[in-house]
Amino acid sequence: MNKQSLLKDIEAHRNEMVTQATHSSLSNDKVIKLSKKLDNLLNKYDRLLKNSSNS
């Protein structure tokens, strides 16, 4: 996955998480699942940046 598509995916998940939290609560199962997915995407992005700076 390239940097641009990863950023788009991160933004989409962030927006979905905020929308879900607005309509339910921060402790809602779907919001928590989206938050964990967002964390994973952000970690992937961080690793991508670290690898590209080491090259």
C-alpha atoms as a PDB file:
ATOM      1  CA  MET A   1       0.000   0.000   0.000  1.00  0.00           C
ATOM      2  CA  ASN A   2       1.425   3.362  -0.956  1.00  0.00           C
ATOM      3  CA  LYS A   3       1.498   6.456   1.211  1.00  0.00           C
ATOM      4  CA  GLN A   4      -1.365   8.284  -0.527  1.00  0.00           C
ATOM      5  CA  SER A   5      -3.810   5.378  -0.425  1.00  0.00           C
ATOM      6  CA  LEU A   6      -2.923   4.720   3.206  1.00  0.00           C
ATOM      7  CA  LEU A   7      -3.607   8.371   4.086  1.00  0.00           C
ATOM      8  CA  LYS A   8      -6.989   8.185   2.327  1.00  0.00           C
ATOM      9  CA  ASP A   9      -7.827   5.005   4.247  1.00  0.00           C
ATOM     10  CA  ILE A  10      -6.792   6.640   7.532  1.00  0.00           C
ATOM     11  CA  GLU A  11      -8.966   9.672   6.848  1.00  0.00           C
ATOM     12  CA  ALA A  12     -11.952   7.521   5.854  1.00  0.00           C
ATOM     13  CA  HIS A  13     -11.698   5.444   9.029  1.00  0.00           C
ATOM     14  CA  ARG A  14     -11.262   8.564  11.164  1.00  0.00           C
ATOM     15  CA  ASN A  15     -14.360  10.169   9.660  1.00  0.00           C
ATOM     16  CA  GLU A  16     -16.394   6.982  10.078  1.00  0.00           C
ATOM     17  CA  MET A  17     -15.302   6.639  13.696  1.00  0.00           C
ATOM     18  CA  VAL A  18     -16.271  10.248  14.490  1.00  0.00           C
ATOM     19  CA  THR A  19     -19.626   9.806  12.761  1.00  0.00           C
ATOM     20  CA  GLN A  20     -20.372   6.612  14.665  1.00  0.00           C
ATOM     21  CA  ALA A  21     -19.298   8.170  17.973  1.00  0.00           C
ATOM     22  CA  THR A  22     -21.514  11.171  17.327  1.00  0.00           C
ATOM     23  CA  HIS A  23     -24.538   8.929  16.785  1.00  0.00           C
ATOM     24  CA  SER A  24     -23.815   6.569  19.662  1.00  0.00           C
ATOM     25  CA  SER A  25     -21.006   6.799  22.226  1.00  0.00           C
ATOM     26  CA  LEU A  26     -17.252   6.415  22.459  1.00  0.00           C
ATOM     27  CA  SER A  27     -17.723   3.067  24.191  1.00  0.00           C
ATOM     28  CA  ASN A  28     -19.901   1.647  21.406  1.00  0.00           C
ATOM     29  CA  ASP A  29     -18.499  -1.635  20.041  1.00  0.00           C
ATOM     30  CA  LYS A  30     -18.409  -0.348  16.460  1.00  0.00           C
ATOM     31  CA  VAL A  31     -16.569   2.824  17.518  1.00  0.00           C
ATOM     32  CA  ILE A  32     -14.010   0.773  19.425  1.00  0.00           C
ATOM     33  CA  LYS A  33     -13.521  -1.541  16.439  1.00  0.00           C
ATOM     34  CA  LEU A  34     -13.001   1.464  14.148  1.00  0.00           C
ATOM     35  CA  SER A  35     -10.593   3.000  16.652  1.00  0.00           C
ATOM     36  CA  LYS A  36      -8.494  -0.168  16.725  1.00  0.00           C
ATOM     37  CA  LYS A  37      -8.472  -0.312  12.916  1.00  0.00           C
ATOM     38  CA  LEU A  38      -7.421   3.340  12.816  1.00  0.00           C
ATOM     39  CA  ASP A  39      -4.609   2.608  15.291  1.00  0.00           C
ATOM     40  CA  ASN A  40      -3.389  -0.205  13.052  1.00  0.00           C
ATOM     41  CA  LEU A  41      -3.471   2.034   9.985  1.00  0.00           C
ATOM     42  CA  LEU A  42      -1.585   4.786  11.803  1.00  0.00           C
ATOM     43  CA  ASN A  43       1.048   2.292  12.949  1.00  0.00           C
ATOM     44  CA  LYS A  44       1.390   1.030   9.389  1.00  0.00           C
ATOM     45  CA  TYR A  45       1.812   4.610   8.161  1.00  0.00           C
ATOM     46  CA  ASP A  46       4.446   5.258  10.825  1.00  0.00           C
ATOM     47  CA  ARG A  47       6.399   2.154   9.781  1.00  0.00           C
ATOM     48  CA  LEU A  48       6.142   3.208   6.139  1.00  0.00           C
ATOM     49  CA  LEU A  49       7.595   6.632   6.954  1.00  0.00           C
ATOM     50  CA  LYS A  50      10.391   5.143   9.056  1.00  0.00           C
ATOM     51  CA  ASN A  51      11.299   2.658   6.319  1.00  0.00           C
ATOM     52  CA  SER A  52      11.329   5.321   3.629  1.00  0.00           C
ATOM     53  CA  SER A  53      13.549   7.587   5.716  1.00  0.00           C
ATOM     54  CA  ASN A  54      15.990   4.727   6.354  1.00  0.00           C
ATOM     55  CA  SER A  55      16.333   4.010   2.636  1.00  0.00           C
END
